[in-house]
Amino acid sequence: NCGKELTNKERQLGRWKPTNPGKEI
């Protein structure tokens, strides 16, 4: 979005989020 360099910490701190929600698998 803004072009700022992403740090290692930013890449590490995240969460799993479904992009195709509502599936059994």
PDB file of all heavy atoms in Angstrom:
ATOM      1  N   ASN A   1       0.811  -1.215   0.000  1.00  0.00           N
ATOM      2  CA  ASN A   1       0.000   0.000   0.000  1.00  0.00           C
ATOM      3  C   ASN A   1       0.846   1.267   0.000  1.00  0.00           C
ATOM      4  O   ASN A   1       0.698   2.122  -0.877  1.00  0.00           O
ATOM      5  CB  ASN A   1      -0.941   0.016   1.204  1.00  0.00           C
ATOM      6  CG  ASN A   1      -1.825   1.247   1.245  1.00  0.00           C
ATOM      7  OD1 ASN A   1      -2.486   1.580   0.258  1.00  0.00           O
ATOM      8  ND2 ASN A   1      -1.848   1.935   2.369  1.00  0.00           N
ATOM      9  N   CYS A   2       1.781   1.382   0.975  1.00  0.00           N
ATOM     10  CA  CYS A   2       2.529   2.638   1.105  1.00  0.00           C
ATOM     11  C   CYS A   2       3.978   2.534   0.628  1.00  0.00           C
ATOM     12  O   CYS A   2       4.671   3.549   0.517  1.00  0.00           O
ATOM     13  CB  CYS A   2       2.494   3.133   2.550  1.00  0.00           C
ATOM     14  SG  CYS A   2       3.432   2.104   3.719  1.00  0.00           S
ATOM     15  N   GLY A   3       4.461   1.317   0.376  1.00  0.00           N
ATOM     16  CA  GLY A   3       5.816   1.146  -0.144  1.00  0.00           C
ATOM     17  C   GLY A   3       6.905   1.141   0.913  1.00  0.00           C
ATOM     18  O   GLY A   3       8.090   1.045   0.575  1.00  0.00           O
ATOM     19  N   LYS A   4       6.551   1.243   2.191  1.00  0.00           N
ATOM     20  CA  LYS A   4       7.556   1.211   3.259  1.00  0.00           C
ATOM     21  C   LYS A   4       8.244  -0.149   3.291  1.00  0.00           C
ATOM     22  O   LYS A   4       7.624  -1.180   3.072  1.00  0.00           O
ATOM     23  CB  LYS A   4       6.897   1.480   4.624  1.00  0.00           C
ATOM     24  CG  LYS A   4       7.885   1.484   5.791  1.00  0.00           C
ATOM     25  CD  LYS A   4       7.178   1.411   7.137  1.00  0.00           C
ATOM     26  CE  LYS A   4       6.874  -0.014   7.563  1.00  0.00           C
ATOM     27  NZ  LYS A   4       8.083  -0.772   7.973  1.00  0.00           N
ATOM     28  N   GLU A   5       9.536  -0.152   3.589  1.00  0.00           N
ATOM     29  CA  GLU A   5      10.232  -1.426   3.724  1.00  0.00           C
ATOM     30  C   GLU A   5       9.696  -2.172   4.946  1.00  0.00           C
ATOM     31  O   GLU A   5       9.597  -1.628   6.047  1.00  0.00           O
ATOM     32  CB  GLU A   5      11.739  -1.218   3.865  1.00  0.00           C
ATOM     33  CG  GLU A   5      12.496  -2.531   3.985  1.00  0.00           C
ATOM     34  CD  GLU A   5      14.004  -2.345   4.044  1.00  0.00           C
ATOM     35  OE1 GLU A   5      14.471  -1.187   3.952  1.00  0.00           O
ATOM     36  OE2 GLU A   5      14.706  -3.369   4.167  1.00  0.00           O
ATOM     37  N   LEU A   6       9.352  -3.443   4.759  1.00  0.00           N
ATOM     38  CA  LEU A   6       8.841  -4.271   5.847  1.00  0.00           C
ATOM     39  C   LEU A   6      10.000  -4.907   6.592  1.00  0.00           C
ATOM     40  O   LEU A   6      10.927  -5.444   5.988  1.00  0.00           O
ATOM     41  CB  LEU A   6       7.922  -5.362   5.291  1.00  0.00           C
ATOM     42  CG  LEU A   6       6.630  -4.885   4.627  1.00  0.00           C
ATOM     43  CD1 LEU A   6       5.937  -6.049   3.924  1.00  0.00           C
ATOM     44  CD2 LEU A   6       5.689  -4.244   5.652  1.00  0.00           C
ATOM     45  N   THR A   7       9.944  -4.834   7.904  1.00  0.00           N
ATOM     46  CA  THR A   7      11.011  -5.408   8.724  1.00  0.00           C
ATOM     47  C   THR A   7      10.774  -6.909   8.932  1.00  0.00           C
ATOM     48  O   THR A   7       9.677  -7.428   8.696  1.00  0.00           O
ATOM     49  CB  THR A   7      11.052  -4.727  10.102  1.00  0.00           C
ATOM     50  OG1 THR A   7       9.833  -5.027  10.810  1.00  0.00           O
ATOM     51  CG2 THR A   7      11.191  -3.221   9.962  1.00  0.00           C
ATOM     52  N   ASN A   8      11.819  -7.585   9.396  1.00  0.00           N
ATOM     53  CA  ASN A   8      11.684  -9.004   9.729  1.00  0.00           C
ATOM     54  C   ASN A   8      10.619  -9.208  10.801  1.00  0.00           C
ATOM     55  O   ASN A   8       9.865 -10.182  10.771  1.00  0.00           O
ATOM     56  CB  ASN A   8      13.017  -9.580  10.213  1.00  0.00           C
ATOM     57  CG  ASN A   8      14.048  -9.635   9.105  1.00  0.00           C
ATOM     58  OD1 ASN A   8      13.710  -9.589   7.920  1.00  0.00           O
ATOM     59  ND2 ASN A   8      15.307  -9.717   9.473  1.00  0.00           N
ATOM     60  N   LYS A   9      10.562  -8.290  11.749  1.00  0.00           N
ATOM     61  CA  LYS A   9       9.584  -8.386  12.835  1.00  0.00           C
ATOM     62  C   LYS A   9       8.169  -8.273  12.301  1.00  0.00           C
ATOM     63  O   LYS A   9       7.263  -8.995  12.729  1.00  0.00           O
ATOM     64  CB  LYS A   9       9.842  -7.287  13.867  1.00  0.00           C
ATOM     65  CG  LYS A   9       9.208  -7.546  15.226  1.00  0.00           C
ATOM     66  CD  LYS A   9       9.909  -8.684  15.935  1.00  0.00           C
ATOM     67  CE  LYS A   9       9.392  -8.856  17.350  1.00  0.00           C
ATOM     68  NZ  LYS A   9      10.034  -9.991  18.041  1.00  0.00           N
ATOM     69  N   GLU A  10       7.960  -7.391  11.351  1.00  0.00           N
ATOM     70  CA  GLU A  10       6.631  -7.235  10.761  1.00  0.00           C
ATOM     71  C   GLU A  10       6.210  -8.492  10.016  1.00  0.00           C
ATOM     72  O   GLU A  10       5.045  -8.893  10.049  1.00  0.00           O
ATOM     73  CB  GLU A  10       6.607  -6.025   9.820  1.00  0.00           C
ATOM     74  CG  GLU A  10       6.556  -4.689  10.543  1.00  0.00           C
ATOM     75  CD  GLU A  10       6.737  -3.515   9.606  1.00  0.00           C
ATOM     76  OE1 GLU A  10       7.710  -3.516   8.815  1.00  0.00           O
ATOM     77  OE2 GLU A  10       5.909  -2.594   9.649  1.00  0.00           O
ATOM     78  N   ARG A  11       7.154  -9.132   9.347  1.00  0.00           N
ATOM     79  CA  ARG A  11       6.835 -10.376   8.632  1.00  0.00           C
ATOM     80  C   ARG A  11       6.557 -11.511   9.604  1.00  0.00           C
ATOM     81  O   ARG A  11       5.781 -12.418   9.315  1.00  0.00           O
ATOM     82  CB  ARG A  11       7.979 -10.772   7.700  1.00  0.00           C
ATOM     83  CG  ARG A  11       8.078  -9.920   6.452  1.00  0.00           C
ATOM     84  CD  ARG A  11       9.016 -10.537   5.442  1.00  0.00           C
ATOM     85  NE  ARG A  11      10.393 -10.566   5.910  1.00  0.00           N
ATOM     86  CZ  ARG A  11      11.199 -11.611   5.789  1.00  0.00           C
ATOM     87  NH1 ARG A  11      10.771 -12.744   5.267  1.00  0.00           N
ATOM     88  NH2 ARG A  11      12.459 -11.544   6.219  1.00  0.00           N
ATOM     89  N   GLN A  12       7.198 -11.453  10.758  1.00  0.00           N
ATOM     90  CA  GLN A  12       7.057 -12.529  11.740  1.00  0.00           C
ATOM     91  C   GLN A  12       5.750 -12.436  12.521  1.00  0.00           C
ATOM     92  O   GLN A  12       5.115 -13.448  12.810  1.00  0.00           O
ATOM     93  CB  GLN A  12       8.241 -12.495  12.706  1.00  0.00           C
ATOM     94  CG  GLN A  12       8.273 -13.646  13.698  1.00  0.00           C
ATOM     95  CD  GLN A  12       9.500 -13.581  14.580  1.00  0.00           C
ATOM     96  OE1 GLN A  12      10.229 -12.588  14.578  1.00  0.00           O
ATOM     97  NE2 GLN A  12       9.735 -14.630  15.332  1.00  0.00           N
ATOM     98  N   LEU A  13       5.351 -11.219  12.860  1.00  0.00           N
ATOM     99  CA  LEU A  13       4.159 -11.023  13.685  1.00  0.00           C
ATOM    100  C   LEU A  13       2.925 -10.939  12.787  1.00  0.00           C
ATOM    101  O   LEU A  13       2.652  -9.918  12.174  1.00  0.00           O
ATOM    102  CB  LEU A  13       4.295  -9.745  14.519  1.00  0.00           C
ATOM    103  CG  LEU A  13       5.444  -9.732  15.537  1.00  0.00           C
ATOM    104  CD1 LEU A  13       5.506  -8.392  16.250  1.00  0.00           C
ATOM    105  CD2 LEU A  13       5.274 -10.861  16.550  1.00  0.00           C
ATOM    106  N   GLY A  14       2.202 -12.021  12.715  1.00  0.00           N
ATOM    107  CA  GLY A  14       1.016 -12.046  11.868  1.00  0.00           C
ATOM    108  C   GLY A  14      -0.009 -13.025  12.393  1.00  0.00           C
ATOM    109  O   GLY A  14       0.048 -13.460  13.538  1.00  0.00           O
ATOM    110  N   ARG A  15      -0.950 -13.365  11.554  1.00  0.00           N
ATOM    111  CA  ARG A  15      -1.990 -14.317  11.943  1.00  0.00           C
ATOM    112  C   ARG A  15      -2.480 -15.057  10.699  1.00  0.00           C
ATOM    113  O   ARG A  15      -2.466 -14.523   9.587  1.00  0.00           O
ATOM    114  CB  ARG A  15      -3.160 -13.595  12.605  1.00  0.00           C
ATOM    115  CG  ARG A  15      -3.873 -12.584  11.695  1.00  0.00           C
ATOM    116  CD  ARG A  15      -5.132 -12.030  12.340  1.00  0.00           C
ATOM    117  NE  ARG A  15      -5.800 -11.049  11.478  1.00  0.00           N
ATOM    118  CZ  ARG A  15      -7.127 -10.931  11.414  1.00  0.00           C
ATOM    119  NH1 ARG A  15      -7.919 -11.717  12.119  1.00  0.00           N
ATOM    120  NH2 ARG A  15      -7.672 -10.012  10.630  1.00  0.00           N
ATOM    121  N   TRP A  16      -2.892 -16.304  10.914  1.00  0.00           N
ATOM    122  CA  TRP A  16      -3.487 -17.071   9.825  1.00  0.00           C
ATOM    123  C   TRP A  16      -4.930 -16.609   9.630  1.00  0.00           C
ATOM    124  O   TRP A  16      -5.697 -16.528  10.589  1.00  0.00           O
ATOM    125  CB  TRP A  16      -3.477 -18.562  10.146  1.00  0.00           C
ATOM    126  CG  TRP A  16      -2.119 -19.187  10.065  1.00  0.00           C
ATOM    127  CD1 TRP A  16      -1.365 -19.650  11.096  1.00  0.00           C
ATOM    128  CD2 TRP A  16      -1.367 -19.439   8.874  1.00  0.00           C
ATOM    129  NE1 TRP A  16      -0.171 -20.157  10.629  1.00  0.00           N
ATOM    130  CE2 TRP A  16      -0.155 -20.047   9.270  1.00  0.00           C
ATOM    131  CE3 TRP A  16      -1.586 -19.202   7.516  1.00  0.00           C
ATOM    132  CZ2 TRP A  16       0.823 -20.431   8.354  1.00  0.00           C
ATOM    133  CZ3 TRP A  16      -0.605 -19.587   6.606  1.00  0.00           C
ATOM    134  CH2 TRP A  16       0.570 -20.184   7.023  1.00  0.00           C
ATOM    135  N   LYS A  17      -5.282 -16.315   8.392  1.00  0.00           N
ATOM    136  CA  LYS A  17      -6.612 -15.803   8.096  1.00  0.00           C
ATOM    137  C   LYS A  17      -7.130 -16.459   6.813  1.00  0.00           C
ATOM    138  O   LYS A  17      -6.450 -16.437   5.788  1.00  0.00           O
ATOM    139  CB  LYS A  17      -6.528 -14.281   7.921  1.00  0.00           C
ATOM    140  CG  LYS A  17      -7.859 -13.591   7.683  1.00  0.00           C
ATOM    141  CD  LYS A  17      -7.622 -12.081   7.573  1.00  0.00           C
ATOM    142  CE  LYS A  17      -8.889 -11.338   7.225  1.00  0.00           C
ATOM    143  NZ  LYS A  17      -8.650  -9.867   7.101  1.00  0.00           N
ATOM    144  N   PRO A  18      -8.324 -17.071   6.850  1.00  0.00           N
ATOM    145  CA  PRO A  18      -8.841 -17.729   5.648  1.00  0.00           C
ATOM    146  C   PRO A  18      -9.210 -16.724   4.565  1.00  0.00           C
ATOM    147  O   PRO A  18      -9.783 -15.669   4.852  1.00  0.00           O
ATOM    148  CB  PRO A  18     -10.071 -18.486   6.156  1.00  0.00           C
ATOM    149  CG  PRO A  18     -10.479 -17.775   7.400  1.00  0.00           C
ATOM    150  CD  PRO A  18      -9.224 -17.235   8.008  1.00  0.00           C
ATOM    151  N   THR A  19      -8.862 -17.054   3.335  1.00  0.00           N
ATOM    152  CA  THR A  19      -9.259 -16.226   2.192  1.00  0.00           C
ATOM    153  C   THR A  19     -10.404 -16.872   1.423  1.00  0.00           C
ATOM    154  O   THR A  19     -10.913 -16.295   0.462  1.00  0.00           O
ATOM    155  CB  THR A  19      -8.066 -16.003   1.238  1.00  0.00           C
ATOM    156  OG1 THR A  19      -7.604 -17.272   0.750  1.00  0.00           O
ATOM    157  CG2 THR A  19      -6.919 -15.295   1.956  1.00  0.00           C
ATOM    158  N   ASN A  20     -10.790 -18.072   1.846  1.00  0.00           N
ATOM    159  CA  ASN A  20     -11.911 -18.796   1.238  1.00  0.00           C
ATOM    160  C   ASN A  20     -12.729 -19.407   2.382  1.00  0.00           C
ATOM    161  O   ASN A  20     -12.801 -20.627   2.529  1.00  0.00           O
ATOM    162  CB  ASN A  20     -11.378 -19.884   0.296  1.00  0.00           C
ATOM    163  CG  ASN A  20     -12.467 -20.559  -0.516  1.00  0.00           C
ATOM    164  OD1 ASN A  20     -13.469 -19.934  -0.879  1.00  0.00           O
ATOM    165  ND2 ASN A  20     -12.288 -21.834  -0.803  1.00  0.00           N
ATOM    166  N   PRO A  21     -13.323 -18.559   3.230  1.00  0.00           N
ATOM    167  CA  PRO A  21     -13.930 -19.028   4.479  1.00  0.00           C
ATOM    168  C   PRO A  21     -15.142 -19.930   4.266  1.00  0.00           C
ATOM    169  O   PRO A  21     -15.745 -19.957   3.196  1.00  0.00           O
ATOM    170  CB  PRO A  21     -14.328 -17.722   5.178  1.00  0.00           C
ATOM    171  CG  PRO A  21     -14.487 -16.729   4.075  1.00  0.00           C
ATOM    172  CD  PRO A  21     -13.482 -17.100   3.037  1.00  0.00           C
ATOM    173  N   GLY A  22     -15.450 -20.679   5.345  1.00  0.00           N
ATOM    174  CA  GLY A  22     -16.645 -21.504   5.329  1.00  0.00           C
ATOM    175  C   GLY A  22     -16.446 -22.917   4.829  1.00  0.00           C
ATOM    176  O   GLY A  22     -17.420 -23.646   4.640  1.00  0.00           O
ATOM    177  N   LYS A  23     -15.187 -23.334   4.621  1.00  0.00           N
ATOM    178  CA  LYS A  23     -14.905 -24.675   4.106  1.00  0.00           C
ATOM    179  C   LYS A  23     -14.566 -25.631   5.253  1.00  0.00           C
ATOM    180  O   LYS A  23     -14.049 -25.224   6.288  1.00  0.00           O
ATOM    181  CB  LYS A  23     -13.739 -24.633   3.118  1.00  0.00           C
ATOM    182  CG  LYS A  23     -13.960 -23.700   1.935  1.00  0.00           C
ATOM    183  CD  LYS A  23     -15.115 -24.173   1.074  1.00  0.00           C
ATOM    184  CE  LYS A  23     -15.306 -23.271  -0.144  1.00  0.00           C
ATOM    185  NZ  LYS A  23     -16.412 -23.739  -1.009  1.00  0.00           N
ATOM    186  N   GLU A  24     -14.855 -26.912   5.060  1.00  0.00           N
ATOM    187  CA  GLU A  24     -14.563 -27.910   6.090  1.00  0.00           C
ATOM    188  C   GLU A  24     -13.071 -28.221   6.177  1.00  0.00           C
ATOM    189  O   GLU A  24     -12.568 -28.592   7.230  1.00  0.00           O
ATOM    190  CB  GLU A  24     -15.339 -29.195   5.811  1.00  0.00           C
ATOM    191  CG  GLU A  24     -16.845 -29.057   5.990  1.00  0.00           C
ATOM    192  CD  GLU A  24     -17.572 -30.378   5.845  1.00  0.00           C
ATOM    193  OE1 GLU A  24     -16.898 -31.392   5.530  1.00  0.00           O
ATOM    194  OE2 GLU A  24     -18.794 -30.410   6.035  1.00  0.00           O
ATOM    195  N   ILE A  25     -12.355 -28.090   5.069  1.00  0.00           N
ATOM    196  CA  ILE A  25     -10.922 -28.405   5.041  1.00  0.00           C
ATOM    197  C   ILE A  25     -10.120 -27.178   5.457  1.00  0.00           C
ATOM    198  O   ILE A  25     -10.335 -26.074   4.957  1.00  0.00           O
ATOM    199  CB  ILE A  25     -10.481 -28.870   3.639  1.00  0.00           C
ATOM    200  CG1 ILE A  25     -11.225 -30.146   3.252  1.00  0.00           C
ATOM    201  CG2 ILE A  25      -8.972 -29.099   3.585  1.00  0.00           C
ATOM    202  CD1 ILE A  25     -10.962 -30.603   1.825  1.00  0.00           C
TER     203      ILE A  25
END
